[in-house]
């Protein structure tokens, strides 16, 4: 549920799961904890290429799950794809509000 009167895309109960996920990604980017997969994507010796490769991999897996009519796998792989896309946005110093604004501009 969104608050349509204010244009705020958070749910009535607070931030959405995507907001929370992006916040965690940004935190890992700042703090770079050694035991974090997300942080490793920001420090990986390949840098951006590692994330771009993961986006390609997850895109293929999402397509195959859809082709196979495997709804559970489609949701799982879509989650992986979205996660890696959010990491890429964070790498580029963009955020979920930038994405939200882009999407809203297409429907507004």
PDB file of N, CA and C in Angstrom:
ATOM      1  N   UNK A   1       0.841  -1.166   0.000  1.00  0.00           N
ATOM      2  CA  UNK A   1       0.000   0.000   0.000  1.00  0.00           C
ATOM      3  C   UNK A   1       0.892   1.237   0.000  1.00  0.00           C
ATOM      4  N   UNK A   2       0.537   2.228  -0.809  1.00  0.00           N
ATOM      5  CA  UNK A   2       1.309   3.456  -0.869  1.00  0.00           C
ATOM      6  C   UNK A   2       0.457   4.632  -0.448  1.00  0.00           C
ATOM      7  N   UNK A   3       1.106   5.684  -0.054  1.00  0.00           N
ATOM      8  CA  UNK A   3       0.428   6.916   0.309  1.00  0.00           C
ATOM      9  C   UNK A   3       0.348   7.776  -0.937  1.00  0.00           C
ATOM     10  N   UNK A   4      -0.760   7.683  -1.656  1.00  0.00           N
ATOM     11  CA  UNK A   4      -0.906   8.366  -2.933  1.00  0.00           C
ATOM     12  C   UNK A   4      -0.996   9.878  -2.789  1.00  0.00           C
ATOM     13  N   UNK A   5      -1.439  10.372  -1.653  1.00  0.00           N
ATOM     14  CA  UNK A   5      -1.620  11.817  -1.508  1.00  0.00           C
ATOM     15  C   UNK A   5      -0.313  12.562  -1.406  1.00  0.00           C
ATOM     16  N   UNK A   6       0.711  11.948  -0.857  1.00  0.00           N
ATOM     17  CA  UNK A   6       1.981  12.651  -0.700  1.00  0.00           C
ATOM     18  C   UNK A   6       2.986  12.307  -1.793  1.00  0.00           C
ATOM     19  N   UNK A   7       2.658  11.317  -2.628  1.00  0.00           N
ATOM     20  CA  UNK A   7       3.607  10.882  -3.637  1.00  0.00           C
ATOM     21  C   UNK A   7       4.687   9.986  -3.060  1.00  0.00           C
ATOM     22  N   UNK A   8       4.629   9.724  -1.762  1.00  0.00           N
ATOM     23  CA  UNK A   8       5.611   8.885  -1.088  1.00  0.00           C
ATOM     24  C   UNK A   8       5.309   7.432  -1.420  1.00  0.00           C
ATOM     25  N   UNK A   9       6.311   6.703  -1.902  1.00  0.00           N
ATOM     26  CA  UNK A   9       6.104   5.325  -2.322  1.00  0.00           C
ATOM     27  C   UNK A   9       6.383   4.325  -1.219  1.00  0.00           C
ATOM     28  N   UNK A  10       6.547   4.773   0.009  1.00  0.00           N
ATOM     29  CA  UNK A  10       6.702   3.838   1.110  1.00  0.00           C
ATOM     30  C   UNK A  10       5.330   3.325   1.504  1.00  0.00           C
ATOM     31  N   UNK A  11       5.297   2.163   2.109  1.00  0.00           N
ATOM     32  CA  UNK A  11       4.028   1.613   2.561  1.00  0.00           C
ATOM     33  C   UNK A  11       3.545   2.401   3.771  1.00  0.00           C
ATOM     34  N   UNK A  12       2.304   2.202   4.118  1.00  0.00           N
ATOM     35  CA  UNK A  12       1.726   2.891   5.278  1.00  0.00           C
ATOM     36  C   UNK A  12       2.485   2.532   6.553  1.00  0.00           C
ATOM     37  N   UNK A  13       3.135   1.360   6.558  1.00  0.00           N
ATOM     38  CA  UNK A  13       3.876   0.904   7.728  1.00  0.00           C
ATOM     39  C   UNK A  13       5.343   1.326   7.703  1.00  0.00           C
ATOM     40  N   UNK A  14       5.772   2.043   6.695  1.00  0.00           N
ATOM     41  CA  UNK A  14       7.167   2.467   6.608  1.00  0.00           C
ATOM     42  C   UNK A  14       7.785   2.056   5.298  1.00  0.00           C
ATOM     43  N   UNK A  15       9.108   1.969   5.264  1.00  0.00           N
ATOM     44  CA  UNK A  15       9.801   1.634   4.024  1.00  0.00           C
ATOM     45  C   UNK A  15       9.391   0.265   3.482  1.00  0.00           C
ATOM     46  N   UNK A  16       9.453   0.125   2.180  1.00  0.00           N
ATOM     47  CA  UNK A  16       9.153  -1.153   1.545  1.00  0.00           C
ATOM     48  C   UNK A  16      10.362  -2.073   1.657  1.00  0.00           C
ATOM     49  N   UNK A  17      10.171  -3.323   1.326  1.00  0.00           N
ATOM     50  CA  UNK A  17      11.262  -4.290   1.368  1.00  0.00           C
ATOM     51  C   UNK A  17      12.379  -3.869   0.411  1.00  0.00           C
ATOM     52  N   UNK A  18      12.037  -3.259  -0.717  1.00  0.00           N
ATOM     53  CA  UNK A  18      13.076  -2.796  -1.647  1.00  0.00           C
ATOM     54  C   UNK A  18      13.870  -1.649  -1.049  1.00  0.00           C
ATOM     55  N   UNK A  19      13.191  -0.748  -0.336  1.00  0.00           N
ATOM     56  CA  UNK A  19      13.897   0.334   0.357  1.00  0.00           C
ATOM     57  C   UNK A  19      14.848  -0.244   1.400  1.00  0.00           C
ATOM     58  N   UNK A  20      14.371  -1.221   2.154  1.00  0.00           N
ATOM     59  CA  UNK A  20      15.209  -1.853   3.178  1.00  0.00           C
ATOM     60  C   UNK A  20      16.407  -2.560   2.550  1.00  0.00           C
ATOM     61  N   UNK A  21      16.170  -3.276   1.457  1.00  0.00           N
ATOM     62  CA  UNK A  21      17.252  -3.965   0.777  1.00  0.00           C
ATOM     63  C   UNK A  21      18.289  -2.964   0.272  1.00  0.00           C
ATOM     64  N   UNK A  22      17.833  -1.885  -0.357  1.00  0.00           N
ATOM     65  CA  UNK A  22      18.773  -0.903  -0.879  1.00  0.00           C
ATOM     66  C   UNK A  22      19.548  -0.230   0.244  1.00  0.00           C
ATOM     67  N   UNK A  23      18.884   0.011   1.351  1.00  0.00           N
ATOM     68  CA  UNK A  23      19.554   0.595   2.507  1.00  0.00           C
ATOM     69  C   UNK A  23      20.677  -0.326   3.006  1.00  0.00           C
ATOM     70  N   UNK A  24      20.418  -1.610   3.041  1.00  0.00           N
ATOM     71  CA  UNK A  24      21.431  -2.580   3.449  1.00  0.00           C
ATOM     72  C   UNK A  24      22.592  -2.599   2.454  1.00  0.00           C
ATOM     73  N   UNK A  25      22.283  -2.540   1.165  1.00  0.00           N
ATOM     74  CA  UNK A  25      23.331  -2.501   0.143  1.00  0.00           C
ATOM     75  C   UNK A  25      24.209  -1.273   0.340  1.00  0.00           C
ATOM     76  N   UNK A  26      23.595  -0.126   0.572  1.00  0.00           N
ATOM     77  CA  UNK A  26      24.353   1.116   0.785  1.00  0.00           C
ATOM     78  C   UNK A  26      25.217   1.020   2.045  1.00  0.00           C
ATOM     79  N   UNK A  27      24.674   0.404   3.091  1.00  0.00           N
ATOM     80  CA  UNK A  27      25.428   0.221   4.332  1.00  0.00           C
ATOM     81  C   UNK A  27      26.657  -0.653   4.093  1.00  0.00           C
ATOM     82  N   UNK A  28      26.473  -1.750   3.351  1.00  0.00           N
ATOM     83  CA  UNK A  28      27.602  -2.639   3.041  1.00  0.00           C
ATOM     84  C   UNK A  28      28.643  -1.915   2.186  1.00  0.00           C
ATOM     85  N   UNK A  29      28.189  -1.057   1.295  1.00  0.00           N
ATOM     86  CA  UNK A  29      29.106  -0.282   0.457  1.00  0.00           C
ATOM     87  C   UNK A  29      29.962   0.651   1.312  1.00  0.00           C
ATOM     88  N   UNK A  30      29.359   1.274   2.313  1.00  0.00           N
ATOM     89  CA  UNK A  30      30.086   2.198   3.193  1.00  0.00           C
ATOM     90  C   UNK A  30      31.023   1.475   4.139  1.00  0.00           C
ATOM     91  N   UNK A  31      30.530   0.416   4.765  1.00  0.00           N
ATOM     92  CA  UNK A  31      31.268  -0.234   5.847  1.00  0.00           C
ATOM     93  C   UNK A  31      32.191  -1.359   5.380  1.00  0.00           C
ATOM     94  N   UNK A  32      31.893  -1.972   4.249  1.00  0.00           N
ATOM     95  CA  UNK A  32      32.687  -3.059   3.671  1.00  0.00           C
ATOM     96  C   UNK A  32      33.064  -4.148   4.680  1.00  0.00           C
ATOM     97  N   UNK A  33      32.069  -4.737   5.374  1.00  0.00           N
ATOM     98  CA  UNK A  33      32.406  -5.820   6.298  1.00  0.00           C
ATOM     99  C   UNK A  33      33.015  -7.006   5.548  1.00  0.00           C
ATOM    100  N   UNK A  34      34.035  -7.592   6.123  1.00  0.00           N
ATOM    101  CA  UNK A  34      34.795  -8.654   5.458  1.00  0.00           C
ATOM    102  C   UNK A  34      33.956  -9.892   5.154  1.00  0.00           C
ATOM    103  N   UNK A  35      32.923 -10.152   5.946  1.00  0.00           N
ATOM    104  CA  UNK A  35      32.140 -11.368   5.776  1.00  0.00           C
ATOM    105  C   UNK A  35      30.866 -11.158   4.951  1.00  0.00           C
ATOM    106  N   UNK A  36      30.778 -10.063   4.217  1.00  0.00           N
ATOM    107  CA  UNK A  36      29.572  -9.726   3.466  1.00  0.00           C
ATOM    108  C   UNK A  36      29.759  -9.966   1.972  1.00  0.00           C
ATOM    109  N   UNK A  37      28.861 -10.763   1.388  1.00  0.00           N
ATOM    110  CA  UNK A  37      28.872 -10.971  -0.059  1.00  0.00           C
ATOM    111  C   UNK A  37      28.677  -9.638  -0.774  1.00  0.00           C
ATOM    112  N   UNK A  38      27.742  -8.834  -0.290  1.00  0.00           N
ATOM    113  CA  UNK A  38      27.466  -7.537  -0.920  1.00  0.00           C
ATOM    114  C   UNK A  38      28.713  -6.666  -0.911  1.00  0.00           C
ATOM    115  N   UNK A  39      29.382  -6.580   0.226  1.00  0.00           N
ATOM    116  CA  UNK A  39      30.605  -5.777   0.301  1.00  0.00           C
ATOM    117  C   UNK A  39      31.653  -6.307  -0.661  1.00  0.00           C
ATOM    118  N   UNK A  40      31.724  -7.619  -0.815  1.00  0.00           N
ATOM    119  CA  UNK A  40      32.725  -8.195  -1.728  1.00  0.00           C
ATOM    120  C   UNK A  40      32.483  -7.751  -3.164  1.00  0.00           C
ATOM    121  N   UNK A  41      31.242  -7.474  -3.507  1.00  0.00           N
ATOM    122  CA  UNK A  41      30.961  -6.992  -4.860  1.00  0.00           C
ATOM    123  C   UNK A  41      31.522  -5.594  -5.085  1.00  0.00           C
ATOM    124  N   UNK A  42      31.605  -4.808  -4.027  1.00  0.00           N
ATOM    125  CA  UNK A  42      32.154  -3.460  -4.144  1.00  0.00           C
ATOM    126  C   UNK A  42      33.681  -3.464  -4.099  1.00  0.00           C
ATOM    127  N   UNK A  43      34.283  -4.525  -3.582  1.00  0.00           N
ATOM    128  CA  UNK A  43      35.736  -4.585  -3.455  1.00  0.00           C
ATOM    129  C   UNK A  43      36.359  -5.628  -4.368  1.00  0.00           C
ATOM    130  N   UNK A  44      35.554  -6.360  -5.089  1.00  0.00           N
ATOM    131  CA  UNK A  44      36.034  -7.436  -5.960  1.00  0.00           C
ATOM    132  C   UNK A  44      37.057  -6.878  -6.937  1.00  0.00           C
ATOM    133  N   UNK A  45      38.098  -7.642  -7.159  1.00  0.00           N
ATOM    134  CA  UNK A  45      39.171  -7.160  -8.037  1.00  0.00           C
ATOM    135  C   UNK A  45      38.674  -6.868  -9.452  1.00  0.00           C
ATOM    136  N   UNK A  46      37.607  -7.532  -9.877  1.00  0.00           N
ATOM    137  CA  UNK A  46      37.033  -7.240 -11.191  1.00  0.00           C
ATOM    138  C   UNK A  46      36.170  -5.987 -11.159  1.00  0.00           C
ATOM    139  N   UNK A  47      35.792  -5.569  -9.975  1.00  0.00           N
ATOM    140  CA  UNK A  47      34.963  -4.383  -9.830  1.00  0.00           C
ATOM    141  C   UNK A  47      33.608  -4.533 -10.485  1.00  0.00           C
ATOM    142  N   UNK A  48      33.242  -3.543 -11.227  1.00  0.00           N
ATOM    143  CA  UNK A  48      31.939  -3.478 -11.866  1.00  0.00           C
ATOM    144  C   UNK A  48      31.665  -4.685 -12.753  1.00  0.00           C
ATOM    145  N   UNK A  49      32.689  -5.213 -13.406  1.00  0.00           N
ATOM    146  CA  UNK A  49      32.487  -6.354 -14.297  1.00  0.00           C
ATOM    147  C   UNK A  49      31.880  -7.555 -13.581  1.00  0.00           C
ATOM    148  N   UNK A  50      32.255  -7.774 -12.331  1.00  0.00           N
ATOM    149  CA  UNK A  50      31.704  -8.901 -11.578  1.00  0.00           C
ATOM    150  C   UNK A  50      30.195  -8.753 -11.408  1.00  0.00           C
ATOM    151  N   UNK A  51      29.747  -7.544 -11.118  1.00  0.00           N
ATOM    152  CA  UNK A  51      28.304  -7.304 -10.947  1.00  0.00           C
ATOM    153  C   UNK A  51      27.596  -7.417 -12.296  1.00  0.00           C
ATOM    154  N   UNK A  52      28.191  -6.884 -13.338  1.00  0.00           N
ATOM    155  CA  UNK A  52      27.581  -6.980 -14.667  1.00  0.00           C
ATOM    156  C   UNK A  52      27.464  -8.435 -15.113  1.00  0.00           C
ATOM    157  N   UNK A  53      28.476  -9.238 -14.812  1.00  0.00           N
ATOM    158  CA  UNK A  53      28.411 -10.665 -15.124  1.00  0.00           C
ATOM    159  C   UNK A  53      27.280 -11.343 -14.358  1.00  0.00           C
ATOM    160  N   UNK A  54      27.113 -10.984 -13.076  1.00  0.00           N
ATOM    161  CA  UNK A  54      26.033 -11.566 -12.274  1.00  0.00           C
ATOM    162  C   UNK A  54      24.674 -11.153 -12.833  1.00  0.00           C
ATOM    163  N   UNK A  55      24.542  -9.919 -13.278  1.00  0.00           N
ATOM    164  CA  UNK A  55      23.277  -9.480 -13.870  1.00  0.00           C
ATOM    165  C   UNK A  55      22.980 -10.304 -15.127  1.00  0.00           C
ATOM    166  N   UNK A  56      23.997 -10.530 -15.944  1.00  0.00           N
ATOM    167  CA  UNK A  56      23.804 -11.363 -17.127  1.00  0.00           C
ATOM    168  C   UNK A  56      23.400 -12.777 -16.768  1.00  0.00           C
ATOM    169  N   UNK A  57      24.081 -13.352 -15.798  1.00  0.00           N
ATOM    170  CA  UNK A  57      23.782 -14.715 -15.345  1.00  0.00           C
ATOM    171  C   UNK A  57      22.357 -14.808 -14.802  1.00  0.00           C
ATOM    172  N   UNK A  58      22.002 -13.871 -13.932  1.00  0.00           N
ATOM    173  CA  UNK A  58      20.671 -13.917 -13.317  1.00  0.00           C
ATOM    174  C   UNK A  58      19.567 -13.632 -14.336  1.00  0.00           C
ATOM    175  N   UNK A  59      19.869 -12.809 -15.334  1.00  0.00           N
ATOM    176  CA  UNK A  59      18.897 -12.552 -16.399  1.00  0.00           C
ATOM    177  C   UNK A  59      18.610 -13.838 -17.164  1.00  0.00           C
ATOM    178  N   UNK A  60      19.664 -14.557 -17.519  1.00  0.00           N
ATOM    179  CA  UNK A  60      19.498 -15.824 -18.238  1.00  0.00           C
ATOM    180  C   UNK A  60      18.703 -16.813 -17.400  1.00  0.00           C
ATOM    181  N   UNK A  61      19.032 -16.932 -16.127  1.00  0.00           N
ATOM    182  CA  UNK A  61      18.312 -17.863 -15.253  1.00  0.00           C
ATOM    183  C   UNK A  61      16.846 -17.467 -15.098  1.00  0.00           C
ATOM    184  N   UNK A  62      16.566 -16.175 -15.060  1.00  0.00           N
ATOM    185  CA  UNK A  62      15.179 -15.700 -14.971  1.00  0.00           C
ATOM    186  C   UNK A  62      14.414 -16.065 -16.240  1.00  0.00           C
ATOM    187  N   UNK A  63      15.030 -15.853 -17.377  1.00  0.00           N
ATOM    188  CA  UNK A  63      14.401 -16.180 -18.659  1.00  0.00           C
ATOM    189  C   UNK A  63      14.116 -17.673 -18.749  1.00  0.00           C
ATOM    190  N   UNK A  64      15.079 -18.490 -18.365  1.00  0.00           N
ATOM    191  CA  UNK A  64      14.887 -19.946 -18.431  1.00  0.00           C
ATOM    192  C   UNK A  64      13.784 -20.416 -17.489  1.00  0.00           C
ATOM    193  N   UNK A  65      13.705 -19.828 -16.308  1.00  0.00           N
ATOM    194  CA  UNK A  65      12.638 -20.190 -15.369  1.00  0.00           C
ATOM    195  C   UNK A  65      11.274 -19.828 -15.947  1.00  0.00           C
ATOM    196  N   UNK A  66      11.187 -18.673 -16.593  1.00  0.00           N
ATOM    197  CA  UNK A  66       9.921 -18.269 -17.216  1.00  0.00           C
ATOM    198  C   UNK A  66       9.566 -19.218 -18.354  1.00  0.00           C
ATOM    199  N   UNK A  67      10.555 -19.554 -19.174  1.00  0.00           N
ATOM    200  CA  UNK A  67      10.338 -20.463 -20.303  1.00  0.00           C
ATOM    201  C   UNK A  67       9.861 -21.829 -19.824  1.00  0.00           C
ATOM    202  N   UNK A  68      10.389 -22.260 -18.677  1.00  0.00           N
ATOM    203  CA  UNK A  68      10.018 -23.569 -18.127  1.00  0.00           C
ATOM    204  C   UNK A  68       8.736 -23.532 -17.297  1.00  0.00           C
ATOM    205  N   UNK A  69       8.090 -22.358 -17.236  1.00  0.00           N
ATOM    206  CA  UNK A  69       6.863 -22.192 -16.434  1.00  0.00           C
ATOM    207  C   UNK A  69       7.061 -22.610 -14.980  1.00  0.00           C
ATOM    208  N   UNK A  70       8.240 -22.318 -14.444  1.00  0.00           N
ATOM    209  CA  UNK A  70       8.569 -22.646 -13.058  1.00  0.00           C
ATOM    210  C   UNK A  70       8.433 -21.379 -12.218  1.00  0.00           C
ATOM    211  N   UNK A  71       7.239 -21.168 -11.679  1.00  0.00           N
ATOM    212  CA  UNK A  71       6.956 -19.926 -10.952  1.00  0.00           C
ATOM    213  C   UNK A  71       7.853 -19.727  -9.743  1.00  0.00           C
ATOM    214  N   UNK A  72       8.111 -20.785  -9.002  1.00  0.00           N
ATOM    215  CA  UNK A  72       8.978 -20.655  -7.824  1.00  0.00           C
ATOM    216  C   UNK A  72      10.378 -20.213  -8.231  1.00  0.00           C
ATOM    217  N   UNK A  73      10.920 -20.847  -9.264  1.00  0.00           N
ATOM    218  CA  UNK A  73      12.257 -20.494  -9.742  1.00  0.00           C
ATOM    219  C   UNK A  73      12.263 -19.096 -10.367  1.00  0.00           C
ATOM    220  N   UNK A  74      11.186 -18.741 -11.046  1.00  0.00           N
ATOM    221  CA  UNK A  74      11.074 -17.413 -11.638  1.00  0.00           C
ATOM    222  C   UNK A  74      11.132 -16.336 -10.563  1.00  0.00           C
ATOM    223  N   UNK A  75      10.427 -16.536  -9.479  1.00  0.00           N
ATOM    224  CA  UNK A  75      10.467 -15.573  -8.377  1.00  0.00           C
ATOM    225  C   UNK A  75      11.843 -15.528  -7.729  1.00  0.00           C
ATOM    226  N   UNK A  76      12.440 -16.691  -7.517  1.00  0.00           N
ATOM    227  CA  UNK A  76      13.767 -16.760  -6.909  1.00  0.00           C
ATOM    228  C   UNK A  76      14.808 -16.034  -7.765  1.00  0.00           C
ATOM    229  N   UNK A  77      14.842 -16.343  -9.034  1.00  0.00           N
ATOM    230  CA  UNK A  77      15.822 -15.730  -9.936  1.00  0.00           C
ATOM    231  C   UNK A  77      15.534 -14.240 -10.145  1.00  0.00           C
ATOM    232  N   UNK A  78      14.279 -13.862 -10.150  1.00  0.00           N
ATOM    233  CA  UNK A  78      13.932 -12.440 -10.251  1.00  0.00           C
ATOM    234  C   UNK A  78      14.450 -11.678  -9.043  1.00  0.00           C
ATOM    235  N   UNK A  79      14.384 -12.301  -7.879  1.00  0.00           N
ATOM    236  CA  UNK A  79      14.938 -11.685  -6.671  1.00  0.00           C
ATOM    237  C   UNK A  79      16.437 -11.487  -6.793  1.00  0.00           C
ATOM    238  N   UNK A  80      17.145 -12.506  -7.306  1.00  0.00           N
ATOM    239  CA  UNK A  80      18.590 -12.385  -7.509  1.00  0.00           C
ATOM    240  C   UNK A  80      18.913 -11.287  -8.519  1.00  0.00           C
ATOM    241  N   UNK A  81      18.148 -11.222  -9.598  1.00  0.00           N
ATOM    242  CA  UNK A  81      18.371 -10.215 -10.630  1.00  0.00           C
ATOM    243  C   UNK A  81      18.160  -8.813 -10.079  1.00  0.00           C
ATOM    244  N   UNK A  82      17.076  -8.636  -9.361  1.00  0.00           N
ATOM    245  CA  UNK A  82      16.775  -7.321  -8.791  1.00  0.00           C
ATOM    246  C   UNK A  82      17.841  -6.905  -7.779  1.00  0.00           C
ATOM    247  N   UNK A  83      18.276  -7.834  -6.944  1.00  0.00           N
ATOM    248  CA  UNK A  83      19.329  -7.548  -5.975  1.00  0.00           C
ATOM    249  C   UNK A  83      20.593  -7.042  -6.678  1.00  0.00           C
ATOM    250  N   UNK A  84      21.046  -7.759  -7.702  1.00  0.00           N
ATOM    251  CA  UNK A  84      22.273  -7.358  -8.386  1.00  0.00           C
ATOM    252  C   UNK A  84      22.095  -6.041  -9.145  1.00  0.00           C
ATOM    253  N   UNK A  85      20.908  -5.783  -9.646  1.00  0.00           N
ATOM    254  CA  UNK A  85      20.636  -4.501 -10.286  1.00  0.00           C
ATOM    255  C   UNK A  85      20.730  -3.364  -9.269  1.00  0.00           C
ATOM    256  N   UNK A  86      20.210  -3.578  -8.069  1.00  0.00           N
ATOM    257  CA  UNK A  86      20.319  -2.560  -7.018  1.00  0.00           C
ATOM    258  C   UNK A  86      21.775  -2.332  -6.615  1.00  0.00           C
ATOM    259  N   UNK A  87      22.570  -3.396  -6.583  1.00  0.00           N
ATOM    260  CA  UNK A  87      24.001  -3.236  -6.297  1.00  0.00           C
ATOM    261  C   UNK A  87      24.644  -2.375  -7.378  1.00  0.00           C
ATOM    262  N   UNK A  88      24.301  -2.618  -8.633  1.00  0.00           N
ATOM    263  CA  UNK A  88      24.858  -1.813  -9.721  1.00  0.00           C
ATOM    264  C   UNK A  88      24.471  -0.339  -9.574  1.00  0.00           C
ATOM    265  N   UNK A  89      23.218  -0.072  -9.234  1.00  0.00           N
ATOM    266  CA  UNK A  89      22.797   1.312  -9.021  1.00  0.00           C
ATOM    267  C   UNK A  89      23.630   1.962  -7.921  1.00  0.00           C
ATOM    268  N   UNK A  90      23.843   1.238  -6.833  1.00  0.00           N
ATOM    269  CA  UNK A  90      24.662   1.771  -5.737  1.00  0.00           C
ATOM    270  C   UNK A  90      26.089   2.030  -6.195  1.00  0.00           C
ATOM    271  N   UNK A  91      26.633   1.147  -7.022  1.00  0.00           N
ATOM    272  CA  UNK A  91      27.982   1.344  -7.557  1.00  0.00           C
ATOM    273  C   UNK A  91      28.088   2.628  -8.359  1.00  0.00           C
ATOM    274  N   UNK A  92      27.009   2.953  -9.053  1.00  0.00           N
ATOM    275  CA  UNK A  92      26.984   4.129  -9.917  1.00  0.00           C
ATOM    276  C   UNK A  92      26.512   5.378  -9.166  1.00  0.00           C
ATOM    277  N   UNK A  93      26.424   5.265  -7.835  1.00  0.00           N
ATOM    278  CA  UNK A  93      25.960   6.365  -6.983  1.00  0.00           C
ATOM    279  C   UNK A  93      24.569   6.839  -7.352  1.00  0.00           C
ATOM    280  N   UNK A  94      23.753   5.902  -7.793  1.00  0.00           N
ATOM    281  CA  UNK A  94      22.329   6.138  -7.997  1.00  0.00           C
ATOM    282  C   UNK A  94      21.617   5.431  -6.859  1.00  0.00           C
ATOM    283  N   UNK A  95      20.361   5.755  -6.651  1.00  0.00           N
ATOM    284  CA  UNK A  95      19.653   5.066  -5.576  1.00  0.00           C
ATOM    285  C   UNK A  95      18.247   4.684  -6.008  1.00  0.00           C
ATOM    286  N   UNK A  96      17.554   4.048  -5.118  1.00  0.00           N
ATOM    287  CA  UNK A  96      16.233   3.530  -5.430  1.00  0.00           C
ATOM    288  C   UNK A  96      15.248   4.663  -5.711  1.00  0.00           C
ATOM    289  N   UNK A  97      15.475   5.830  -5.129  1.00  0.00           N
ATOM    290  CA  UNK A  97      14.616   6.970  -5.440  1.00  0.00           C
ATOM    291  C   UNK A  97      14.820   7.435  -6.879  1.00  0.00           C
ATOM    292  N   UNK A  98      16.049   7.355  -7.388  1.00  0.00           N
ATOM    293  CA  UNK A  98      16.299   7.684  -8.795  1.00  0.00           C
ATOM    294  C   UNK A  98      15.526   6.730  -9.705  1.00  0.00           C
ATOM    295  N   UNK A  99      15.559   5.451  -9.369  1.00  0.00           N
ATOM    296  CA  UNK A  99      14.820   4.454 -10.142  1.00  0.00           C
ATOM    297  C   UNK A  99      13.324   4.702 -10.034  1.00  0.00           C
ATOM    298  N   UNK A 100      12.867   4.981  -8.833  1.00  0.00           N
ATOM    299  CA  UNK A 100      11.449   5.262  -8.607  1.00  0.00           C
ATOM    300  C   UNK A 100      11.002   6.465  -9.448  1.00  0.00           C
ATOM    301  N   UNK A 101      11.808   7.533  -9.459  1.00  0.00           N
ATOM    302  CA  UNK A 101      11.474   8.728 -10.245  1.00  0.00           C
ATOM    303  C   UNK A 101      11.408   8.406 -11.735  1.00  0.00           C
ATOM    304  N   UNK A 102      12.355   7.591 -12.215  1.00  0.00           N
ATOM    305  CA  UNK A 102      12.339   7.203 -13.624  1.00  0.00           C
ATOM    306  C   UNK A 102      11.053   6.462 -13.966  1.00  0.00           C
ATOM    307  N   UNK A 103      10.682   5.510 -13.126  1.00  0.00           N
ATOM    308  CA  UNK A 103       9.467   4.752 -13.380  1.00  0.00           C
ATOM    309  C   UNK A 103       8.224   5.631 -13.293  1.00  0.00           C
ATOM    310  N   UNK A 104       8.196   6.518 -12.303  1.00  0.00           N
ATOM    311  CA  UNK A 104       7.057   7.425 -12.172  1.00  0.00           C
ATOM    312  C   UNK A 104       6.935   8.355 -13.375  1.00  0.00           C
ATOM    313  N   UNK A 105       8.063   8.771 -13.947  1.00  0.00           N
ATOM    314  CA  UNK A 105       8.020   9.662 -15.110  1.00  0.00           C
ATOM    315  C   UNK A 105       7.391   8.979 -16.319  1.00  0.00           C
ATOM    316  N   UNK A 106       7.397   7.673 -16.333  1.00  0.00           N
ATOM    317  CA  UNK A 106       6.808   6.922 -17.438  1.00  0.00           C
ATOM    318  C   UNK A 106       5.300   6.772 -17.300  1.00  0.00           C
ATOM    319  N   UNK A 107       4.795   6.985 -16.107  1.00  0.00           N
ATOM    320  CA  UNK A 107       3.368   6.797 -15.856  1.00  0.00           C
ATOM    321  C   UNK A 107       2.679   8.039 -15.357  1.00  0.00           C
ATOM    322  N   UNK A 108       3.383   9.169 -15.363  1.00  0.00           N
ATOM    323  CA  UNK A 108       2.832  10.373 -14.767  1.00  0.00           C
ATOM    324  C   UNK A 108       2.397  11.386 -15.748  1.00  0.00           C
TER     325      UNK A 108
END
